[in-house]
Amino acid sequence: MEFVRRLLAAGSTSRAIAAMMPCFDTPLEETFDSAMERLAQERRRITSDIEDLLQARKALDALMDTAREHRVRLPKSRAG
């Protein structure tokens, strides 16, 4: 099913996809609305994950900046 593959590619969980299956099995306004709400929940979850990843990247950038500042104060290596 192409839509399931697209949901997986978009990062949806198998649990979320299973919750949306009634819309495919019995396409009614009620099942459609339920599936749309589940898609919105998945979008909110992914947005939260992105925000967490951006914070993690920011923390790593700060750590790398501190490490670079420390490195310039290290003694030079002696070859040989």
N, C-alpha and C. Protein backbone atom coordinates (compact mmCIF):
# COMPACT_ATOMS: atom_id res chain seq x y z
N MET A 1 0.85 -1.17 0.00
CA MET A 1 0.00 0.00 0.00
C MET A 1 0.90 1.25 0.00
N GLU A 2 0.78 2.05 -1.01
CA GLU A 2 1.65 3.22 -1.19
C GLU A 2 1.55 4.20 -0.03
N PHE A 3 0.33 4.43 0.47
CA PHE A 3 0.17 5.40 1.55
C PHE A 3 0.90 4.94 2.82
N VAL A 4 0.87 3.67 3.10
CA VAL A 4 1.60 3.14 4.27
C VAL A 4 3.09 3.35 4.09
N ARG A 5 3.61 3.09 2.90
CA ARG A 5 5.04 3.33 2.63
C ARG A 5 5.38 4.81 2.83
N ARG A 6 4.49 5.67 2.39
CA ARG A 6 4.73 7.11 2.56
C ARG A 6 4.70 7.51 4.03
N LEU A 7 3.79 6.91 4.80
CA LEU A 7 3.75 7.19 6.24
C LEU A 7 5.03 6.73 6.92
N LEU A 8 5.51 5.54 6.56
CA LEU A 8 6.75 5.04 7.11
C LEU A 8 7.92 5.95 6.73
N ALA A 9 7.96 6.37 5.49
CA ALA A 9 9.03 7.26 5.03
C ALA A 9 8.98 8.60 5.75
N ALA A 10 7.79 9.01 6.17
CA ALA A 10 7.63 10.28 6.88
C ALA A 10 7.95 10.15 8.36
N GLY A 11 8.28 8.93 8.80
CA GLY A 11 8.66 8.74 10.18
C GLY A 11 7.52 8.32 11.10
N SER A 12 6.37 7.99 10.54
CA SER A 12 5.26 7.54 11.37
C SER A 12 5.58 6.18 11.99
N THR A 13 5.06 5.98 13.17
CA THR A 13 5.27 4.70 13.85
C THR A 13 4.26 3.68 13.35
N SER A 14 4.58 2.41 13.52
CA SER A 14 3.65 1.37 13.11
C SER A 14 2.36 1.45 13.92
N ARG A 15 2.46 1.87 15.16
CA ARG A 15 1.27 2.03 16.00
C ARG A 15 0.36 3.12 15.44
N ALA A 16 0.93 4.22 15.00
CA ALA A 16 0.13 5.31 14.42
C ALA A 16 -0.52 4.85 13.12
N ILE A 17 0.25 4.13 12.33
CA ILE A 17 -0.30 3.64 11.05
C ILE A 17 -1.45 2.69 11.31
N ALA A 18 -1.30 1.80 12.29
CA ALA A 18 -2.38 0.87 12.64
C ALA A 18 -3.63 1.63 13.07
N ALA A 19 -3.44 2.72 13.79
CA ALA A 19 -4.59 3.51 14.23
C ALA A 19 -5.31 4.18 13.07
N MET A 20 -4.59 4.40 11.97
CA MET A 20 -5.20 5.04 10.80
C MET A 20 -5.84 4.05 9.83
N MET A 21 -5.57 2.78 10.00
CA MET A 21 -6.06 1.77 9.06
C MET A 21 -7.58 1.73 8.90
N PRO A 22 -8.37 2.00 9.95
CA PRO A 22 -9.82 2.01 9.73
C PRO A 22 -10.26 2.97 8.62
N CYS A 23 -9.53 4.03 8.41
CA CYS A 23 -9.86 4.96 7.33
C CYS A 23 -9.71 4.29 5.97
N PHE A 24 -8.75 3.37 5.86
CA PHE A 24 -8.56 2.65 4.60
C PHE A 24 -9.59 1.55 4.44
N ASP A 25 -9.87 0.85 5.57
CA ASP A 25 -10.80 -0.27 5.52
C ASP A 25 -12.25 0.18 5.34
N THR A 26 -12.62 1.26 6.04
CA THR A 26 -13.99 1.78 6.00
C THR A 26 -13.92 3.29 5.85
N PRO A 27 -13.75 3.79 4.63
CA PRO A 27 -13.58 5.22 4.43
C PRO A 27 -14.88 6.00 4.64
N LEU A 28 -15.07 6.47 5.85
CA LEU A 28 -16.21 7.30 6.22
C LEU A 28 -15.69 8.61 6.78
N GLU A 29 -16.55 9.59 6.90
CA GLU A 29 -16.12 10.87 7.47
C GLU A 29 -15.50 10.68 8.85
N GLU A 30 -16.12 9.84 9.66
CA GLU A 30 -15.62 9.61 11.02
C GLU A 30 -14.23 9.00 11.01
N THR A 31 -14.01 7.97 10.19
CA THR A 31 -12.69 7.35 10.16
C THR A 31 -11.66 8.27 9.51
N PHE A 32 -12.11 9.06 8.54
CA PHE A 32 -11.21 10.04 7.92
C PHE A 32 -10.77 11.08 8.95
N ASP A 33 -11.74 11.61 9.70
CA ASP A 33 -11.41 12.62 10.72
C ASP A 33 -10.47 12.06 11.78
N SER A 34 -10.70 10.81 12.16
CA SER A 34 -9.83 10.16 13.14
C SER A 34 -8.42 10.01 12.58
N ALA A 35 -8.31 9.61 11.34
CA ALA A 35 -7.00 9.46 10.71
C ALA A 35 -6.30 10.81 10.59
N MET A 36 -7.04 11.84 10.26
CA MET A 36 -6.44 13.18 10.15
C MET A 36 -5.92 13.65 11.51
N GLU A 37 -6.67 13.36 12.56
CA GLU A 37 -6.20 13.73 13.90
C GLU A 37 -4.94 12.97 14.25
N ARG A 38 -4.88 11.70 13.88
CA ARG A 38 -3.68 10.92 14.15
C ARG A 38 -2.49 11.45 13.36
N LEU A 39 -2.72 11.86 12.12
CA LEU A 39 -1.65 12.49 11.33
C LEU A 39 -1.16 13.76 12.01
N ALA A 40 -2.08 14.54 12.55
CA ALA A 40 -1.71 15.77 13.25
C ALA A 40 -0.89 15.44 14.50
N GLN A 41 -1.26 14.38 15.21
CA GLN A 41 -0.47 13.95 16.38
C GLN A 41 0.94 13.54 15.97
N GLU A 42 1.03 12.80 14.88
CA GLU A 42 2.34 12.38 14.38
C GLU A 42 3.18 13.60 14.00
N ARG A 43 2.56 14.57 13.39
CA ARG A 43 3.28 15.79 13.01
C ARG A 43 3.80 16.51 14.26
N ARG A 44 2.97 16.60 15.29
CA ARG A 44 3.39 17.25 16.53
C ARG A 44 4.55 16.47 17.17
N ARG A 45 4.47 15.13 17.13
CA ARG A 45 5.54 14.31 17.69
C ARG A 45 6.85 14.55 16.95
N ILE A 46 6.78 14.57 15.63
CA ILE A 46 7.98 14.77 14.83
C ILE A 46 8.54 16.18 15.05
N THR A 47 7.66 17.17 15.14
CA THR A 47 8.10 18.54 15.42
C THR A 47 8.84 18.60 16.75
N SER A 48 8.32 17.91 17.75
CA SER A 48 8.98 17.87 19.06
C SER A 48 10.35 17.20 18.95
N ASP A 49 10.41 16.11 18.20
CA ASP A 49 11.70 15.44 17.99
C ASP A 49 12.70 16.36 17.31
N ILE A 50 12.24 17.12 16.33
CA ILE A 50 13.12 18.06 15.63
C ILE A 50 13.63 19.11 16.60
N GLU A 51 12.75 19.64 17.43
CA GLU A 51 13.16 20.65 18.40
C GLU A 51 14.19 20.08 19.38
N ASP A 52 13.98 18.84 19.82
CA ASP A 52 14.95 18.19 20.70
C ASP A 52 16.29 18.01 20.00
N LEU A 53 16.27 17.61 18.75
CA LEU A 53 17.51 17.45 17.99
C LEU A 53 18.23 18.78 17.79
N LEU A 54 17.48 19.84 17.55
CA LEU A 54 18.10 21.15 17.39
C LEU A 54 18.77 21.60 18.69
N GLN A 55 18.13 21.32 19.82
CA GLN A 55 18.75 21.65 21.11
C GLN A 55 20.01 20.82 21.34
N ALA A 56 19.95 19.54 20.97
CA ALA A 56 21.14 18.68 21.11
C ALA A 56 22.27 19.19 20.23
N ARG A 57 21.95 19.60 19.01
CA ARG A 57 22.98 20.14 18.12
C ARG A 57 23.57 21.41 18.69
N LYS A 58 22.73 22.26 19.25
CA LYS A 58 23.21 23.50 19.85
C LYS A 58 24.15 23.20 21.01
N ALA A 59 23.81 22.21 21.84
CA ALA A 59 24.67 21.83 22.95
C ALA A 59 26.01 21.28 22.45
N LEU A 60 25.97 20.48 21.38
CA LEU A 60 27.21 19.96 20.79
C LEU A 60 28.06 21.09 20.21
N ASP A 61 27.42 22.04 19.55
CA ASP A 61 28.16 23.19 19.01
C ASP A 61 28.88 23.94 20.12
N ALA A 62 28.20 24.15 21.25
CA ALA A 62 28.82 24.85 22.38
C ALA A 62 29.99 24.04 22.93
N LEU A 63 29.81 22.72 23.03
CA LEU A 63 30.88 21.86 23.51
C LEU A 63 32.08 21.90 22.56
N MET A 64 31.81 21.88 21.27
CA MET A 64 32.90 21.94 20.29
C MET A 64 33.62 23.28 20.36
N ASP A 65 32.88 24.36 20.55
CA ASP A 65 33.51 25.68 20.70
C ASP A 65 34.43 25.71 21.91
N THR A 66 33.96 25.16 23.03
CA THR A 66 34.77 25.11 24.24
C THR A 66 36.02 24.26 24.01
N ALA A 67 35.86 23.12 23.34
CA ALA A 67 37.01 22.24 23.05
C ALA A 67 38.02 22.96 22.16
N ARG A 68 37.55 23.70 21.17
CA ARG A 68 38.47 24.44 20.29
C ARG A 68 39.25 25.49 21.08
N GLU A 69 38.55 26.19 21.98
CA GLU A 69 39.23 27.19 22.81
C GLU A 69 40.30 26.53 23.69
N HIS A 70 39.99 25.36 24.19
CA HIS A 70 40.95 24.63 25.02
C HIS A 70 42.14 24.15 24.18
N ARG A 71 41.89 23.73 22.98
CA ARG A 71 42.95 23.18 22.14
C ARG A 71 44.04 24.19 21.85
N VAL A 72 43.68 25.44 21.66
CA VAL A 72 44.71 26.44 21.32
C VAL A 72 45.68 26.66 22.47
N ARG A 73 45.30 26.22 23.68
CA ARG A 73 46.18 26.37 24.83
C ARG A 73 47.01 25.11 25.10
N LEU A 74 46.82 24.07 24.31
CA LEU A 74 47.58 22.83 24.51
C LEU A 74 49.01 23.00 24.00
N PRO A 75 49.96 22.31 24.65
CA PRO A 75 51.34 22.36 24.14
C PRO A 75 51.42 21.66 22.80
N LYS A 76 52.35 22.08 21.99
CA LYS A 76 52.56 21.48 20.68
C LYS A 76 53.09 20.07 20.84
N SER A 77 52.72 19.21 19.90
CA SER A 77 53.23 17.83 19.90
C SER A 77 54.68 17.84 19.49
N ARG A 78 55.41 16.87 20.01
CA ARG A 78 56.80 16.72 19.59
C ARG A 78 56.91 15.54 18.66
N ALA A 79 57.35 15.77 17.47
CA ALA A 79 57.51 14.68 16.48
C ALA A 79 58.76 13.90 16.81
N GLY A 80 58.66 12.60 16.61
CA GLY A 80 59.83 11.79 16.63
C GLY A 80 60.18 11.10 17.83
